[in-house]
Amino acid sequence: MTPSSAKSSSDSNAILGAGPPLANRVAVGALLTALATGVVEMIAQLWPLDRLGNSLAAVAIRLLFYAAVLVAIAFFARGRN
């Protein structure tokens, strides 16, 4: 058997289309839930939208952080460091 023809179990899982482990999927779901909760909390703080003008900079900064967290979650979900 040549080294190029030998496949590890992780290679066969990737070829067969096996998804990420259950723990990874649960963690991604929990992270997305936490992110959504933060967005809902921000909207609740600003619900009378007439307050939006006073805190537009704060909302923009929060949205930037939420976007960065979403990118990190996407990397995590795909198995990247």
C-alpha atoms as a PDB file:
ATOM      1  CA  MET A   1       0.000   0.000   0.000  1.00  0.00           C
ATOM      2  CA  THR A   2       1.477   3.339  -0.996  1.00  0.00           C
ATOM      3  CA  PRO A   3       1.249   6.362   1.313  1.00  0.00           C
ATOM      4  CA  SER A   4      -0.825   8.266  -1.217  1.00  0.00           C
ATOM      5  CA  SER A   5      -3.501   5.563  -1.306  1.00  0.00           C
ATOM      6  CA  ALA A   6      -3.804   5.307   2.480  1.00  0.00           C
ATOM      7  CA  LYS A   7      -6.645   7.409   3.833  1.00  0.00           C
ATOM      8  CA  SER A   8      -7.336   8.342   7.400  1.00  0.00           C
ATOM      9  CA  SER A   9     -10.760   8.129   8.941  1.00  0.00           C
ATOM     10  CA  SER A  10     -11.037  11.925   8.904  1.00  0.00           C
ATOM     11  CA  ASP A  11     -10.420  11.924   5.141  1.00  0.00           C
ATOM     12  CA  SER A  12     -13.144   9.334   4.614  1.00  0.00           C
ATOM     13  CA  ASN A  13     -15.578  11.376   6.731  1.00  0.00           C
ATOM     14  CA  ALA A  14     -14.891  14.438   4.608  1.00  0.00           C
ATOM     15  CA  ILE A  15     -15.361  12.442   1.418  1.00  0.00           C
ATOM     16  CA  LEU A  16     -18.588  10.842   2.618  1.00  0.00           C
ATOM     17  CA  GLY A  17     -20.017  14.240   3.470  1.00  0.00           C
ATOM     18  CA  ALA A  18     -20.311  13.614   7.188  1.00  0.00           C
ATOM     19  CA  GLY A  19     -21.066  16.907   8.871  1.00  0.00           C
ATOM     20  CA  PRO A  20     -19.312  18.412  11.826  1.00  0.00           C
ATOM     21  CA  PRO A  21     -19.534  16.658  15.180  1.00  0.00           C
ATOM     22  CA  LEU A  22     -22.649  17.129  17.266  1.00  0.00           C
ATOM     23  CA  ALA A  23     -20.760  19.152  19.879  1.00  0.00           C
ATOM     24  CA  ASN A  24     -19.663  21.602  17.185  1.00  0.00           C
ATOM     25  CA  ARG A  25     -23.200  21.995  15.859  1.00  0.00           C
ATOM     26  CA  VAL A  26     -24.579  22.543  19.360  1.00  0.00           C
ATOM     27  CA  ALA A  27     -21.882  25.130  20.105  1.00  0.00           C
ATOM     28  CA  VAL A  28     -22.581  27.001  16.861  1.00  0.00           C
ATOM     29  CA  GLY A  29     -26.290  26.998  17.664  1.00  0.00           C
ATOM     30  CA  ALA A  30     -25.614  28.354  21.152  1.00  0.00           C
ATOM     31  CA  LEU A  31     -23.323  31.062  19.782  1.00  0.00           C
ATOM     32  CA  LEU A  32     -25.889  32.108  17.184  1.00  0.00           C
ATOM     33  CA  THR A  33     -28.568  32.178  19.879  1.00  0.00           C
ATOM     34  CA  ALA A  34     -26.373  34.403  22.048  1.00  0.00           C
ATOM     35  CA  LEU A  35     -25.720  36.714  19.103  1.00  0.00           C
ATOM     36  CA  ALA A  36     -29.424  36.928  18.276  1.00  0.00           C
ATOM     37  CA  THR A  37     -30.171  37.669  21.923  1.00  0.00           C
ATOM     38  CA  GLY A  38     -27.715  40.567  21.802  1.00  0.00           C
ATOM     39  CA  VAL A  39     -29.375  41.965  18.697  1.00  0.00           C
ATOM     40  CA  VAL A  40     -32.823  41.660  20.289  1.00  0.00           C
ATOM     41  CA  GLU A  41     -31.521  43.393  23.416  1.00  0.00           C
ATOM     42  CA  MET A  42     -30.148  46.254  21.329  1.00  0.00           C
ATOM     43  CA  ILE A  43     -33.477  46.653  19.530  1.00  0.00           C
ATOM     44  CA  ALA A  44     -35.330  46.562  22.851  1.00  0.00           C
ATOM     45  CA  GLN A  45     -33.122  49.358  24.176  1.00  0.00           C
ATOM     46  CA  LEU A  46     -33.944  51.467  21.115  1.00  0.00           C
ATOM     47  CA  TRP A  47     -37.554  50.418  20.632  1.00  0.00           C
ATOM     48  CA  PRO A  48     -39.020  53.866  20.566  1.00  0.00           C
ATOM     49  CA  LEU A  49     -37.016  54.530  17.417  1.00  0.00           C
ATOM     50  CA  ASP A  50     -36.952  58.237  18.166  1.00  0.00           C
ATOM     51  CA  ARG A  51     -33.996  57.403  20.470  1.00  0.00           C
ATOM     52  CA  LEU A  52     -31.980  56.148  17.513  1.00  0.00           C
ATOM     53  CA  GLY A  53     -30.618  59.566  16.560  1.00  0.00           C
ATOM     54  CA  ASN A  54     -29.002  60.052  19.960  1.00  0.00           C
ATOM     55  CA  SER A  55     -27.138  56.755  19.883  1.00  0.00           C
ATOM     56  CA  LEU A  56     -26.387  56.143  16.223  1.00  0.00           C
ATOM     57  CA  ALA A  57     -22.638  55.862  16.847  1.00  0.00           C
ATOM     58  CA  ALA A  58     -23.195  53.322  19.635  1.00  0.00           C
ATOM     59  CA  VAL A  59     -25.474  51.268  17.385  1.00  0.00           C
ATOM     60  CA  ALA A  60     -22.878  51.322  14.594  1.00  0.00           C
ATOM     61  CA  ILE A  61     -20.155  50.113  16.965  1.00  0.00           C
ATOM     62  CA  ARG A  62     -22.395  47.322  18.262  1.00  0.00           C
ATOM     63  CA  LEU A  63     -23.246  46.245  14.724  1.00  0.00           C
ATOM     64  CA  LEU A  64     -19.526  46.093  13.880  1.00  0.00           C
ATOM     65  CA  PHE A  65     -18.911  43.871  16.897  1.00  0.00           C
ATOM     66  CA  TYR A  66     -21.881  41.673  16.006  1.00  0.00           C
ATOM     67  CA  ALA A  67     -20.533  41.314  12.456  1.00  0.00           C
ATOM     68  CA  ALA A  68     -17.083  40.342  13.792  1.00  0.00           C
ATOM     69  CA  VAL A  69     -18.654  37.757  16.105  1.00  0.00           C
ATOM     70  CA  LEU A  70     -20.698  36.372  13.219  1.00  0.00           C
ATOM     71  CA  VAL A  71     -17.546  35.974  11.118  1.00  0.00           C
ATOM     72  CA  ALA A  72     -15.824  34.179  14.023  1.00  0.00           C
ATOM     73  CA  ILE A  73     -18.829  31.860  14.391  1.00  0.00           C
ATOM     74  CA  ALA A  74     -18.726  31.104  10.659  1.00  0.00           C
ATOM     75  CA  PHE A  75     -15.014  30.204  10.894  1.00  0.00           C
ATOM     76  CA  PHE A  76     -15.709  28.020  13.916  1.00  0.00           C
ATOM     77  CA  ALA A  77     -18.586  26.276  12.156  1.00  0.00           C
ATOM     78  CA  ARG A  78     -16.303  25.432   9.232  1.00  0.00           C
ATOM     79  CA  GLY A  79     -13.595  24.066  11.520  1.00  0.00           C
ATOM     80  CA  ARG A  80     -11.079  26.866  11.065  1.00  0.00           C
ATOM     81  CA  ASN A  81      -8.946  28.320  13.827  1.00  0.00           C
END
